[in-house]
């Protein structure tokens, strides 16, 4: 059986309605990697206007970071409850060093996984073909007006 890894970005509540339903009730052929940060108790306190109080009272006096944290934890819990495979990388301090560590990890993971499934991780023939065509076109000035 051949496996395919296709990374998809799904950013919090922005993408939940477009992809989370597919992830939860769709084919069980995915695993999930969460990149999280410690958002609790960060940001300004929320004030819900009186006319929205009936529907959004639960937001009152929470900080924006608390809302973000609650959403990330609820999403992870929901996906786990559907018996999906989940892994999590929590970034305690978001800075150049921690992002560099994360990027290096994923580069090495890609190389090792490609080797395991007998794919050359340093060769992209389909991409190379497009580069060759572009160079030919530019070399012949086919794009000139």
C-alpha atoms as a PDB file:
ATOM      1  CA  UNK A   1       0.000   0.000   0.000  1.00  0.00           C
ATOM      2  CA  UNK A   2       1.356   3.419  -0.968  1.00  0.00           C
ATOM      3  CA  UNK A   3       0.802   6.304   1.402  1.00  0.00           C
ATOM      4  CA  UNK A   4       0.728   9.940   0.498  1.00  0.00           C
ATOM      5  CA  UNK A   5       1.349  12.845   2.829  1.00  0.00           C
ATOM      6  CA  UNK A   6      -0.199  16.118   1.804  1.00  0.00           C
ATOM      7  CA  UNK A   7       0.175  18.886   4.350  1.00  0.00           C
ATOM      8  CA  UNK A   8      -2.840  21.150   4.659  1.00  0.00           C
ATOM      9  CA  UNK A   9      -2.958  24.350   6.631  1.00  0.00           C
ATOM     10  CA  UNK A  10      -6.026  24.764   8.766  1.00  0.00           C
ATOM     11  CA  UNK A  11      -5.858  27.876  10.906  1.00  0.00           C
ATOM     12  CA  UNK A  12      -8.058  27.717  13.981  1.00  0.00           C
ATOM     13  CA  UNK A  13     -11.667  28.737  13.746  1.00  0.00           C
ATOM     14  CA  UNK A  14     -11.066  30.374  10.359  1.00  0.00           C
ATOM     15  CA  UNK A  15     -10.811  26.990   8.627  1.00  0.00           C
ATOM     16  CA  UNK A  16     -12.892  24.821  10.946  1.00  0.00           C
ATOM     17  CA  UNK A  17     -16.090  25.186   8.984  1.00  0.00           C
ATOM     18  CA  UNK A  18     -14.440  24.518   5.644  1.00  0.00           C
ATOM     19  CA  UNK A  19     -12.343  21.469   6.527  1.00  0.00           C
ATOM     20  CA  UNK A  20     -13.066  20.222  10.031  1.00  0.00           C
ATOM     21  CA  UNK A  21     -16.272  18.470   8.974  1.00  0.00           C
ATOM     22  CA  UNK A  22     -14.289  16.566   6.335  1.00  0.00           C
ATOM     23  CA  UNK A  23     -11.595  15.720   8.869  1.00  0.00           C
ATOM     24  CA  UNK A  24     -14.080  14.461  11.454  1.00  0.00           C
ATOM     25  CA  UNK A  25     -16.644  12.611   9.360  1.00  0.00           C
ATOM     26  CA  UNK A  26     -14.662  11.934   6.208  1.00  0.00           C
ATOM     27  CA  UNK A  27     -12.415   9.042   5.311  1.00  0.00           C
ATOM     28  CA  UNK A  28     -10.129   7.946   8.147  1.00  0.00           C
ATOM     29  CA  UNK A  29      -6.954   8.320   6.120  1.00  0.00           C
ATOM     30  CA  UNK A  30      -5.416  11.332   7.848  1.00  0.00           C
ATOM     31  CA  UNK A  31      -3.344  12.073  10.868  1.00  0.00           C
ATOM     32  CA  UNK A  32      -3.188  15.466  12.462  1.00  0.00           C
ATOM     33  CA  UNK A  33      -0.290  17.602  13.590  1.00  0.00           C
ATOM     34  CA  UNK A  34      -1.135  20.538  15.801  1.00  0.00           C
ATOM     35  CA  UNK A  35       1.257  23.423  16.259  1.00  0.00           C
ATOM     36  CA  UNK A  36       0.114  25.211  19.384  1.00  0.00           C
ATOM     37  CA  UNK A  37       1.331  27.986  21.643  1.00  0.00           C
ATOM     38  CA  UNK A  38       0.536  28.909  25.194  1.00  0.00           C
ATOM     39  CA  UNK A  39      -2.070  31.629  24.735  1.00  0.00           C
ATOM     40  CA  UNK A  40      -3.761  31.527  28.115  1.00  0.00           C
ATOM     41  CA  UNK A  41      -4.154  34.824  29.937  1.00  0.00           C
ATOM     42  CA  UNK A  42      -2.743  36.870  27.037  1.00  0.00           C
ATOM     43  CA  UNK A  43      -4.299  39.826  25.324  1.00  0.00           C
ATOM     44  CA  UNK A  44      -7.083  42.174  26.284  1.00  0.00           C
ATOM     45  CA  UNK A  45     -10.192  41.194  28.207  1.00  0.00           C
ATOM     46  CA  UNK A  46     -13.238  40.876  26.008  1.00  0.00           C
ATOM     47  CA  UNK A  47     -16.321  42.956  26.593  1.00  0.00           C
ATOM     48  CA  UNK A  48     -19.496  41.694  25.007  1.00  0.00           C
ATOM     49  CA  UNK A  49     -21.944  44.454  24.024  1.00  0.00           C
ATOM     50  CA  UNK A  50     -25.256  44.341  25.833  1.00  0.00           C
ATOM     51  CA  UNK A  51     -27.200  43.465  22.682  1.00  0.00           C
ATOM     52  CA  UNK A  52     -25.074  40.304  22.218  1.00  0.00           C
ATOM     53  CA  UNK A  53     -24.974  39.283  25.878  1.00  0.00           C
ATOM     54  CA  UNK A  54     -27.640  36.564  25.495  1.00  0.00           C
ATOM     55  CA  UNK A  55     -25.609  34.674  22.906  1.00  0.00           C
ATOM     56  CA  UNK A  56     -22.038  35.472  23.919  1.00  0.00           C
ATOM     57  CA  UNK A  57     -22.023  35.881  27.700  1.00  0.00           C
ATOM     58  CA  UNK A  58     -19.457  33.058  27.980  1.00  0.00           C
ATOM     59  CA  UNK A  59     -16.885  35.340  26.328  1.00  0.00           C
ATOM     60  CA  UNK A  60     -17.191  38.154  28.868  1.00  0.00           C
ATOM     61  CA  UNK A  61     -14.097  38.859  30.948  1.00  0.00           C
ATOM     62  CA  UNK A  62     -12.002  36.262  29.128  1.00  0.00           C
ATOM     63  CA  UNK A  63      -8.838  37.392  27.435  1.00  0.00           C
ATOM     64  CA  UNK A  64      -8.446  36.867  23.701  1.00  0.00           C
ATOM     65  CA  UNK A  65      -5.690  34.322  24.389  1.00  0.00           C
ATOM     66  CA  UNK A  66      -8.098  32.314  26.524  1.00  0.00           C
ATOM     67  CA  UNK A  67     -10.560  32.131  23.638  1.00  0.00           C
ATOM     68  CA  UNK A  68      -7.833  31.009  21.235  1.00  0.00           C
ATOM     69  CA  UNK A  69      -6.597  28.423  23.748  1.00  0.00           C
ATOM     70  CA  UNK A  70     -10.116  27.077  24.378  1.00  0.00           C
ATOM     71  CA  UNK A  71     -10.690  26.702  20.639  1.00  0.00           C
ATOM     72  CA  UNK A  72      -7.396  24.882  20.004  1.00  0.00           C
ATOM     73  CA  UNK A  73      -7.954  22.512  22.931  1.00  0.00           C
ATOM     74  CA  UNK A  74     -11.574  21.842  21.938  1.00  0.00           C
ATOM     75  CA  UNK A  75     -10.526  21.067  18.357  1.00  0.00           C
ATOM     76  CA  UNK A  76      -7.816  18.651  19.492  1.00  0.00           C
ATOM     77  CA  UNK A  77     -10.210  16.944  21.918  1.00  0.00           C
ATOM     78  CA  UNK A  78     -12.912  16.631  19.235  1.00  0.00           C
ATOM     79  CA  UNK A  79     -10.501  15.048  16.754  1.00  0.00           C
ATOM     80  CA  UNK A  80      -9.173  12.638  19.403  1.00  0.00           C
ATOM     81  CA  UNK A  81     -12.754  11.697  20.318  1.00  0.00           C
ATOM     82  CA  UNK A  82     -13.253  10.621  16.690  1.00  0.00           C
ATOM     83  CA  UNK A  83     -10.318   8.207  17.131  1.00  0.00           C
ATOM     84  CA  UNK A  84      -8.078  10.072  14.725  1.00  0.00           C
ATOM     85  CA  UNK A  85      -4.300  10.043  15.064  1.00  0.00           C
ATOM     86  CA  UNK A  86      -3.037  13.257  16.626  1.00  0.00           C
ATOM     87  CA  UNK A  87       0.354  14.636  17.475  1.00  0.00           C
ATOM     88  CA  UNK A  88       1.109  18.009  18.945  1.00  0.00           C
ATOM     89  CA  UNK A  89       4.054  20.369  18.982  1.00  0.00           C
ATOM     90  CA  UNK A  90       3.590  23.040  21.615  1.00  0.00           C
ATOM     91  CA  UNK A  91       5.831  26.037  21.095  1.00  0.00           C
ATOM     92  CA  UNK A  92       6.350  27.656  24.474  1.00  0.00           C
ATOM     93  CA  UNK A  93       8.049  30.758  23.113  1.00  0.00           C
ATOM     94  CA  UNK A  94       7.444  31.755  19.521  1.00  0.00           C
ATOM     95  CA  UNK A  95      10.769  33.103  18.257  1.00  0.00           C
ATOM     96  CA  UNK A  96      13.383  32.518  15.560  1.00  0.00           C
ATOM     97  CA  UNK A  97      15.088  29.755  17.531  1.00  0.00           C
ATOM     98  CA  UNK A  98      11.955  27.695  18.190  1.00  0.00           C
ATOM     99  CA  UNK A  99      10.739  28.132  14.607  1.00  0.00           C
ATOM    100  CA  UNK A 100      14.166  27.085  13.310  1.00  0.00           C
ATOM    101  CA  UNK A 101      14.021  23.955  15.471  1.00  0.00           C
ATOM    102  CA  UNK A 102      10.574  23.126  14.158  1.00  0.00           C
ATOM    103  CA  UNK A 103      11.573  23.661  10.524  1.00  0.00           C
ATOM    104  CA  UNK A 104      14.648  21.464  10.933  1.00  0.00           C
ATOM    105  CA  UNK A 105      12.557  18.732  12.530  1.00  0.00           C
ATOM    106  CA  UNK A 106      10.077  18.692   9.639  1.00  0.00           C
ATOM    107  CA  UNK A 107      12.866  18.746   7.036  1.00  0.00           C
ATOM    108  CA  UNK A 108      14.493  15.721   8.649  1.00  0.00           C
ATOM    109  CA  UNK A 109      11.144  13.982   9.040  1.00  0.00           C
ATOM    110  CA  UNK A 110      10.469  14.482   5.325  1.00  0.00           C
ATOM    111  CA  UNK A 111      13.869  13.075   4.355  1.00  0.00           C
ATOM    112  CA  UNK A 112      13.548  10.029   6.613  1.00  0.00           C
ATOM    113  CA  UNK A 113       9.981   9.273   5.569  1.00  0.00           C
ATOM    114  CA  UNK A 114      10.868   9.558   1.893  1.00  0.00           C
ATOM    115  CA  UNK A 115      13.740   7.128   2.370  1.00  0.00           C
ATOM    116  CA  UNK A 116      11.449   4.678   4.191  1.00  0.00           C
ATOM    117  CA  UNK A 117       8.985   4.629   1.271  1.00  0.00           C
ATOM    118  CA  UNK A 118      11.775   4.575  -1.350  1.00  0.00           C
ATOM    119  CA  UNK A 119      11.342   8.066  -2.730  1.00  0.00           C
ATOM    120  CA  UNK A 120      14.259  10.383  -3.438  1.00  0.00           C
ATOM    121  CA  UNK A 121      13.500  13.414  -1.246  1.00  0.00           C
ATOM    122  CA  UNK A 122      15.909  15.582  -3.246  1.00  0.00           C
ATOM    123  CA  UNK A 123      14.447  14.962  -6.706  1.00  0.00           C
ATOM    124  CA  UNK A 124      11.318  16.611  -8.056  1.00  0.00           C
ATOM    125  CA  UNK A 125      11.023  15.538 -11.690  1.00  0.00           C
ATOM    126  CA  UNK A 126       7.581  17.066 -12.232  1.00  0.00           C
ATOM    127  CA  UNK A 127       8.777  20.410 -10.892  1.00  0.00           C
ATOM    128  CA  UNK A 128      11.985  20.184 -12.886  1.00  0.00           C
ATOM    129  CA  UNK A 129      10.022  19.675 -16.108  1.00  0.00           C
ATOM    130  CA  UNK A 130       8.229  22.979 -15.557  1.00  0.00           C
ATOM    131  CA  UNK A 131      11.528  24.749 -14.892  1.00  0.00           C
ATOM    132  CA  UNK A 132      12.970  23.377 -18.144  1.00  0.00           C
ATOM    133  CA  UNK A 133       9.981  24.637 -20.145  1.00  0.00           C
ATOM    134  CA  UNK A 134      10.182  28.074 -18.518  1.00  0.00           C
ATOM    135  CA  UNK A 135      13.914  28.354 -19.269  1.00  0.00           C
ATOM    136  CA  UNK A 136      13.308  27.329 -22.893  1.00  0.00           C
ATOM    137  CA  UNK A 137      10.590  29.941 -23.284  1.00  0.00           C
ATOM    138  CA  UNK A 138      12.694  32.662 -21.730  1.00  0.00           C
ATOM    139  CA  UNK A 139      15.756  31.644 -23.751  1.00  0.00           C
ATOM    140  CA  UNK A 140      13.781  31.970 -27.001  1.00  0.00           C
ATOM    141  CA  UNK A 141      12.208  35.252 -25.859  1.00  0.00           C
ATOM    142  CA  UNK A 142       8.770  33.694 -26.372  1.00  0.00           C
ATOM    143  CA  UNK A 143       7.421  35.877 -23.632  1.00  0.00           C
ATOM    144  CA  UNK A 144       8.625  39.150 -25.179  1.00  0.00           C
ATOM    145  CA  UNK A 145       5.983  41.543 -26.483  1.00  0.00           C
END
